[in-house]
Amino acid sequence: MRYVSFIHRDDAGHGVSFPDFPGCVSIGDTVDDAVRHGSRALAFHVEGLLQEGEPIPAPRTINAIKADPELADWRRGADIALIPLLLDRGSSRRVNVSLDRRLLKTIDDKAKRRGMTRSASLATAARDEIEGM
């Protein structure tokens, strides 16, 4: 699922907010950083709602957001981006993949430096790639 976000530029950087989730905000130095951080903020916000037993709204379309008169001031001057909601489902599945030996060594070295397992490192890299799409 992807949710509409507003991206505003100010002296602090690029701020991201979500009309479907008032109060869910993030910032980044660049638009790309803002989108990446926004995806993480969105997941964190939704995970909190789920823990509280609150309903998660279905994503509205860009046209629906643009047509909502209550959002006119909020979206003024904003760029619009669709940001993916990537929730950890809490269960892993073993898969087999083939990787170049040197690439695998590089992945393992980086994971070790970050105090992560190979699987966690690959999952993080995959999420980062998907969030940047």
N, C-alpha and C. Protein backbone atom coordinates (compact mmCIF):
# COMPACT_ATOMS: atom_id res chain seq x y z
N MET A 1 0.83 -1.18 0.00
CA MET A 1 0.00 0.00 0.00
C MET A 1 0.87 1.24 0.00
N ARG A 2 0.43 2.24 -0.70
CA ARG A 2 1.12 3.52 -0.72
C ARG A 2 0.15 4.61 -0.29
N TYR A 3 0.64 5.50 0.55
CA TYR A 3 -0.17 6.60 1.06
C TYR A 3 0.34 7.92 0.50
N VAL A 4 -0.60 8.81 0.24
CA VAL A 4 -0.26 10.15 -0.23
C VAL A 4 0.43 10.91 0.90
N SER A 5 1.50 11.59 0.54
CA SER A 5 2.19 12.45 1.50
C SER A 5 2.38 13.82 0.88
N PHE A 6 2.48 14.81 1.74
CA PHE A 6 2.82 16.16 1.33
C PHE A 6 4.26 16.41 1.74
N ILE A 7 5.03 16.97 0.83
CA ILE A 7 6.41 17.31 1.13
C ILE A 7 6.56 18.82 1.01
N HIS A 8 6.90 19.45 2.12
CA HIS A 8 7.11 20.89 2.17
C HIS A 8 8.59 21.17 2.40
N ARG A 9 9.09 22.20 1.77
CA ARG A 9 10.49 22.63 1.93
C ARG A 9 10.53 23.84 2.84
N ASP A 10 11.42 23.80 3.84
CA ASP A 10 11.66 24.98 4.68
C ASP A 10 13.12 25.01 5.07
N ASP A 11 13.49 25.89 5.99
CA ASP A 11 14.89 26.04 6.38
C ASP A 11 15.46 24.78 7.01
N ALA A 12 14.61 23.95 7.62
CA ALA A 12 15.07 22.73 8.29
C ALA A 12 15.27 21.57 7.32
N GLY A 13 14.77 21.69 6.11
CA GLY A 13 14.88 20.60 5.14
C GLY A 13 13.54 20.35 4.47
N HIS A 14 13.25 19.08 4.24
CA HIS A 14 12.02 18.67 3.59
C HIS A 14 11.16 17.94 4.63
N GLY A 15 9.99 18.50 4.90
CA GLY A 15 9.07 17.88 5.85
C GLY A 15 8.05 17.03 5.13
N VAL A 16 7.74 15.89 5.70
CA VAL A 16 6.76 14.96 5.13
C VAL A 16 5.61 14.83 6.11
N SER A 17 4.39 14.88 5.60
CA SER A 17 3.21 14.65 6.42
C SER A 17 2.21 13.84 5.60
N PHE A 18 1.30 13.20 6.31
CA PHE A 18 0.36 12.29 5.68
C PHE A 18 -1.08 12.71 5.98
N PRO A 19 -1.84 13.11 4.97
CA PRO A 19 -3.22 13.52 5.22
C PRO A 19 -4.08 12.41 5.81
N ASP A 20 -3.79 11.16 5.51
CA ASP A 20 -4.56 10.05 6.08
C ASP A 20 -4.15 9.74 7.52
N PHE A 21 -3.02 10.30 7.98
CA PHE A 21 -2.51 10.06 9.33
C PHE A 21 -2.03 11.38 9.95
N PRO A 22 -2.94 12.26 10.32
CA PRO A 22 -2.53 13.52 10.94
C PRO A 22 -1.63 13.25 12.14
N GLY A 23 -0.56 14.01 12.23
CA GLY A 23 0.39 13.84 13.32
C GLY A 23 1.57 12.96 12.96
N CYS A 24 1.49 12.24 11.87
CA CYS A 24 2.60 11.42 11.41
C CYS A 24 3.45 12.28 10.49
N VAL A 25 4.65 12.62 10.96
CA VAL A 25 5.53 13.52 10.21
C VAL A 25 6.96 13.01 10.24
N SER A 26 7.75 13.50 9.31
CA SER A 26 9.17 13.18 9.26
C SER A 26 9.87 14.28 8.48
N ILE A 27 11.18 14.29 8.55
CA ILE A 27 11.95 15.27 7.78
C ILE A 27 13.14 14.58 7.12
N GLY A 28 13.73 15.26 6.17
CA GLY A 28 14.94 14.79 5.52
C GLY A 28 15.66 15.96 4.90
N ASP A 29 16.97 15.81 4.73
CA ASP A 29 17.76 16.87 4.10
C ASP A 29 17.43 17.04 2.62
N THR A 30 17.08 15.92 1.98
CA THR A 30 16.72 15.93 0.57
C THR A 30 15.33 15.31 0.43
N VAL A 31 14.75 15.44 -0.73
CA VAL A 31 13.44 14.82 -0.97
C VAL A 31 13.56 13.31 -0.81
N ASP A 32 14.64 12.72 -1.34
CA ASP A 32 14.82 11.27 -1.23
C ASP A 32 14.92 10.84 0.23
N ASP A 33 15.69 11.60 1.03
CA ASP A 33 15.78 11.29 2.46
C ASP A 33 14.42 11.44 3.12
N ALA A 34 13.69 12.47 2.76
CA ALA A 34 12.37 12.70 3.36
C ALA A 34 11.42 11.55 3.06
N VAL A 35 11.43 11.06 1.84
CA VAL A 35 10.56 9.93 1.48
C VAL A 35 10.97 8.67 2.25
N ARG A 36 12.27 8.42 2.32
CA ARG A 36 12.76 7.24 3.04
C ARG A 36 12.40 7.32 4.53
N HIS A 37 12.65 8.48 5.14
CA HIS A 37 12.31 8.66 6.55
C HIS A 37 10.80 8.65 6.75
N GLY A 38 10.08 9.19 5.78
CA GLY A 38 8.63 9.19 5.85
C GLY A 38 8.06 7.78 5.85
N SER A 39 8.65 6.90 5.07
CA SER A 39 8.19 5.51 5.05
C SER A 39 8.37 4.85 6.41
N ARG A 40 9.50 5.12 7.03
CA ARG A 40 9.75 4.56 8.36
C ARG A 40 8.81 5.16 9.40
N ALA A 41 8.58 6.48 9.32
CA ALA A 41 7.66 7.14 10.25
C ALA A 41 6.24 6.60 10.08
N LEU A 42 5.84 6.38 8.83
CA LEU A 42 4.52 5.83 8.56
C LEU A 42 4.38 4.44 9.16
N ALA A 43 5.37 3.59 8.96
CA ALA A 43 5.31 2.23 9.53
C ALA A 43 5.24 2.29 11.06
N PHE A 44 6.05 3.14 11.68
CA PHE A 44 6.06 3.28 13.13
C PHE A 44 4.69 3.76 13.62
N HIS A 45 4.12 4.73 12.94
CA HIS A 45 2.82 5.28 13.31
C HIS A 45 1.73 4.20 13.21
N VAL A 46 1.71 3.47 12.11
CA VAL A 46 0.70 2.44 11.90
C VAL A 46 0.88 1.29 12.89
N GLU A 47 2.12 0.91 13.18
CA GLU A 47 2.35 -0.14 14.17
C GLU A 47 1.78 0.27 15.53
N GLY A 48 1.91 1.55 15.89
CA GLY A 48 1.33 2.06 17.13
C GLY A 48 -0.18 1.98 17.11
N LEU A 49 -0.78 2.35 15.99
CA LEU A 49 -2.24 2.26 15.88
C LEU A 49 -2.71 0.81 16.01
N LEU A 50 -2.00 -0.10 15.37
CA LEU A 50 -2.37 -1.52 15.45
C LEU A 50 -2.27 -2.04 16.88
N GLN A 51 -1.21 -1.63 17.60
CA GLN A 51 -1.06 -2.06 18.99
C GLN A 51 -2.19 -1.54 19.86
N GLU A 52 -2.72 -0.37 19.53
CA GLU A 52 -3.82 0.22 20.29
C GLU A 52 -5.18 -0.28 19.83
N GLY A 53 -5.19 -1.13 18.79
CA GLY A 53 -6.45 -1.65 18.27
C GLY A 53 -7.23 -0.65 17.43
N GLU A 54 -6.54 0.39 16.98
CA GLU A 54 -7.18 1.42 16.16
C GLU A 54 -7.25 0.97 14.70
N PRO A 55 -8.28 1.40 13.98
CA PRO A 55 -8.38 1.03 12.56
C PRO A 55 -7.35 1.77 11.72
N ILE A 56 -6.93 1.14 10.66
CA ILE A 56 -5.98 1.73 9.73
C ILE A 56 -6.78 2.17 8.50
N PRO A 57 -6.75 3.46 8.18
CA PRO A 57 -7.54 3.91 7.02
C PRO A 57 -6.97 3.38 5.71
N ALA A 58 -7.86 3.11 4.80
CA ALA A 58 -7.43 2.74 3.45
C ALA A 58 -6.79 3.96 2.81
N PRO A 59 -5.78 3.77 2.00
CA PRO A 59 -5.15 4.93 1.35
C PRO A 59 -6.12 5.61 0.39
N ARG A 60 -6.18 6.91 0.48
CA ARG A 60 -6.98 7.67 -0.48
C ARG A 60 -6.14 7.94 -1.73
N THR A 61 -6.82 8.14 -2.83
CA THR A 61 -6.11 8.45 -4.08
C THR A 61 -5.64 9.90 -4.06
N ILE A 62 -4.70 10.20 -4.94
CA ILE A 62 -4.24 11.57 -5.07
C ILE A 62 -5.40 12.49 -5.43
N ASN A 63 -6.27 12.03 -6.33
CA ASN A 63 -7.43 12.85 -6.71
C ASN A 63 -8.35 13.11 -5.54
N ALA A 64 -8.56 12.11 -4.69
CA ALA A 64 -9.41 12.30 -3.51
C ALA A 64 -8.77 13.30 -2.54
N ILE A 65 -7.47 13.22 -2.38
CA ILE A 65 -6.76 14.15 -1.50
C ILE A 65 -6.86 15.57 -2.07
N LYS A 66 -6.65 15.72 -3.37
CA LYS A 66 -6.72 17.05 -4.00
C LYS A 66 -8.13 17.63 -3.93
N ALA A 67 -9.14 16.78 -3.94
CA ALA A 67 -10.53 17.24 -3.93
C ALA A 67 -11.04 17.56 -2.52
N ASP A 68 -10.29 17.18 -1.48
CA ASP A 68 -10.73 17.40 -0.11
C ASP A 68 -10.48 18.87 0.28
N PRO A 69 -11.56 19.66 0.44
CA PRO A 69 -11.37 21.08 0.75
C PRO A 69 -10.71 21.32 2.11
N GLU A 70 -10.84 20.38 3.03
CA GLU A 70 -10.22 20.54 4.35
C GLU A 70 -8.69 20.47 4.28
N LEU A 71 -8.16 19.96 3.18
CA LEU A 71 -6.71 19.82 3.04
C LEU A 71 -6.09 20.94 2.20
N ALA A 72 -6.90 21.88 1.73
CA ALA A 72 -6.41 22.91 0.80
C ALA A 72 -5.23 23.69 1.37
N ASP A 73 -5.33 24.16 2.61
CA ASP A 73 -4.22 24.93 3.21
C ASP A 73 -3.01 24.04 3.44
N TRP A 74 -3.24 22.81 3.87
CA TRP A 74 -2.17 21.88 4.20
C TRP A 74 -1.34 21.54 2.97
N ARG A 75 -2.01 21.36 1.84
CA ARG A 75 -1.28 20.93 0.64
C ARG A 75 -0.72 22.10 -0.16
N ARG A 76 -1.07 23.34 0.20
CA ARG A 76 -0.60 24.51 -0.54
C ARG A 76 0.93 24.55 -0.54
N GLY A 77 1.50 24.60 -1.70
CA GLY A 77 2.95 24.68 -1.85
C GLY A 77 3.68 23.35 -1.67
N ALA A 78 2.92 22.30 -1.45
CA ALA A 78 3.55 20.99 -1.21
C ALA A 78 3.69 20.20 -2.49
N ASP A 79 4.75 19.40 -2.54
CA ASP A 79 4.84 18.36 -3.54
C ASP A 79 4.10 17.15 -2.99
N ILE A 80 3.59 16.32 -3.87
CA ILE A 80 2.87 15.13 -3.44
C ILE A 80 3.69 13.91 -3.84
N ALA A 81 3.82 12.99 -2.90
CA ALA A 81 4.52 11.74 -3.17
C ALA A 81 3.72 10.59 -2.59
N LEU A 82 3.77 9.45 -3.24
CA LEU A 82 3.18 8.23 -2.70
C LEU A 82 4.28 7.50 -1.94
N ILE A 83 4.02 7.21 -0.68
CA ILE A 83 5.03 6.58 0.17
C ILE A 83 4.51 5.21 0.60
N PRO A 84 5.35 4.17 0.46
CA PRO A 84 4.88 2.82 0.78
C PRO A 84 4.80 2.57 2.28
N LEU A 85 3.78 1.82 2.67
CA LEU A 85 3.67 1.34 4.04
C LEU A 85 4.29 -0.05 4.08
N LEU A 86 5.43 -0.17 4.75
CA LEU A 86 6.15 -1.44 4.84
C LEU A 86 6.19 -1.88 6.30
N LEU A 87 5.28 -2.78 6.65
CA LEU A 87 5.22 -3.28 8.02
C LEU A 87 5.96 -4.60 8.13
N ASP A 88 6.67 -4.76 9.24
CA ASP A 88 7.25 -6.06 9.53
C ASP A 88 6.11 -6.96 10.00
N ARG A 89 5.98 -8.09 9.41
CA ARG A 89 4.89 -9.00 9.75
C ARG A 89 5.25 -9.94 10.89
N GLY A 90 6.48 -9.87 11.35
CA GLY A 90 6.87 -10.64 12.52
C GLY A 90 7.24 -12.09 12.27
N SER A 91 7.13 -12.55 11.05
CA SER A 91 7.53 -13.93 10.79
C SER A 91 8.44 -13.94 9.56
N SER A 92 9.50 -14.68 9.69
CA SER A 92 10.46 -14.77 8.59
C SER A 92 10.25 -16.06 7.82
N ARG A 93 10.70 -16.07 6.61
CA ARG A 93 10.64 -17.26 5.79
C ARG A 93 12.01 -17.48 5.18
N ARG A 94 12.49 -18.68 5.30
CA ARG A 94 13.79 -19.03 4.72
C ARG A 94 13.65 -19.12 3.21
N VAL A 95 14.61 -18.47 2.51
CA VAL A 95 14.65 -18.53 1.06
C VAL A 95 16.08 -18.81 0.63
N ASN A 96 16.23 -19.35 -0.53
CA ASN A 96 17.55 -19.58 -1.10
C ASN A 96 17.77 -18.58 -2.21
N VAL A 97 18.90 -17.88 -2.15
CA VAL A 97 19.28 -16.95 -3.20
C VAL A 97 20.71 -17.23 -3.59
N SER A 98 21.05 -16.90 -4.80
CA SER A 98 22.42 -17.06 -5.28
C SER A 98 23.04 -15.68 -5.44
N LEU A 99 24.22 -15.50 -4.84
CA LEU A 99 24.93 -14.23 -4.92
C LEU A 99 26.39 -14.48 -5.25
N ASP A 100 26.98 -13.53 -5.91
CA ASP A 100 28.40 -13.57 -6.18
C ASP A 100 29.15 -13.67 -4.84
N ARG A 101 30.21 -14.48 -4.78
CA ARG A 101 30.95 -14.68 -3.53
C ARG A 101 31.51 -13.38 -2.96
N ARG A 102 32.03 -12.53 -3.81
CA ARG A 102 32.58 -11.26 -3.32
C ARG A 102 31.48 -10.36 -2.77
N LEU A 103 30.34 -10.36 -3.44
CA LEU A 103 29.21 -9.57 -2.94
C LEU A 103 28.75 -10.11 -1.59
N LEU A 104 28.66 -11.42 -1.46
CA LEU A 104 28.25 -12.02 -0.20
C LEU A 104 29.22 -11.67 0.92
N LYS A 105 30.51 -11.67 0.63
CA LYS A 105 31.51 -11.30 1.64
C LYS A 105 31.33 -9.84 2.05
N THR A 106 31.09 -8.98 1.08
CA THR A 106 30.87 -7.57 1.37
C THR A 106 29.63 -7.38 2.24
N ILE A 107 28.57 -8.10 1.91
CA ILE A 107 27.33 -8.04 2.72
C ILE A 107 27.61 -8.50 4.13
N ASP A 108 28.31 -9.62 4.26
CA ASP A 108 28.61 -10.14 5.60
C ASP A 108 29.49 -9.19 6.40
N ASP A 109 30.49 -8.59 5.75
CA ASP A 109 31.36 -7.64 6.44
C ASP A 109 30.58 -6.42 6.92
N LYS A 110 29.73 -5.90 6.07
CA LYS A 110 28.93 -4.73 6.45
C LYS A 110 27.96 -5.09 7.57
N ALA A 111 27.32 -6.24 7.47
CA ALA A 111 26.39 -6.67 8.52
C ALA A 111 27.11 -6.80 9.85
N LYS A 112 28.31 -7.37 9.83
CA LYS A 112 29.08 -7.55 11.07
C LYS A 112 29.43 -6.20 11.68
N ARG A 113 29.87 -5.24 10.85
CA ARG A 113 30.20 -3.90 11.36
C ARG A 113 28.99 -3.22 11.99
N ARG A 114 27.81 -3.50 11.48
CA ARG A 114 26.59 -2.89 11.99
C ARG A 114 25.95 -3.72 13.11
N GLY A 115 26.56 -4.85 13.45
CA GLY A 115 26.00 -5.70 14.50
C GLY A 115 24.72 -6.39 14.08
N MET A 116 24.65 -6.73 12.80
CA MET A 116 23.44 -7.34 12.25
C MET A 116 23.75 -8.72 11.69
N THR A 117 22.72 -9.51 11.52
CA THR A 117 22.87 -10.76 10.80
C THR A 117 22.82 -10.48 9.30
N ARG A 118 23.25 -11.45 8.52
CA ARG A 118 23.17 -11.32 7.07
C ARG A 118 21.72 -11.08 6.65
N SER A 119 20.80 -11.86 7.22
CA SER A 119 19.39 -11.73 6.86
C SER A 119 18.85 -10.34 7.19
N ALA A 120 19.17 -9.83 8.37
CA ALA A 120 18.70 -8.50 8.76
C ALA A 120 19.27 -7.44 7.84
N SER A 121 20.55 -7.58 7.49
CA SER A 121 21.19 -6.62 6.60
C SER A 121 20.54 -6.63 5.22
N LEU A 122 20.27 -7.81 4.67
CA LEU A 122 19.63 -7.91 3.36
C LEU A 122 18.20 -7.38 3.41
N ALA A 123 17.48 -7.67 4.49
CA ALA A 123 16.11 -7.17 4.62
C ALA A 123 16.10 -5.65 4.69
N THR A 124 17.03 -5.08 5.44
CA THR A 124 17.13 -3.62 5.54
C THR A 124 17.44 -3.01 4.19
N ALA A 125 18.37 -3.60 3.46
CA ALA A 125 18.72 -3.10 2.13
C ALA A 125 17.53 -3.19 1.18
N ALA A 126 16.79 -4.27 1.26
CA ALA A 126 15.60 -4.44 0.39
C ALA A 126 14.55 -3.38 0.74
N ARG A 127 14.31 -3.17 2.04
CA ARG A 127 13.33 -2.14 2.44
C ARG A 127 13.76 -0.75 1.95
N ASP A 128 15.05 -0.45 2.13
CA ASP A 128 15.56 0.85 1.67
C ASP A 128 15.36 1.03 0.18
N GLU A 129 15.60 -0.02 -0.58
CA GLU A 129 15.42 0.05 -2.03
C GLU A 129 13.95 0.24 -2.39
N ILE A 130 13.06 -0.48 -1.73
CA ILE A 130 11.63 -0.37 -2.01
C ILE A 130 11.12 1.02 -1.61
N GLU A 131 11.57 1.52 -0.46
CA GLU A 131 11.12 2.83 0.00
C GLU A 131 11.56 3.92 -0.96
N GLY A 132 12.69 3.73 -1.59
CA GLY A 132 13.21 4.74 -2.51
C GLY A 132 12.56 4.71 -3.87
N MET A 133 11.72 3.74 -4.13
CA MET A 133 11.08 3.61 -5.45
C MET A 133 10.05 4.69 -5.67
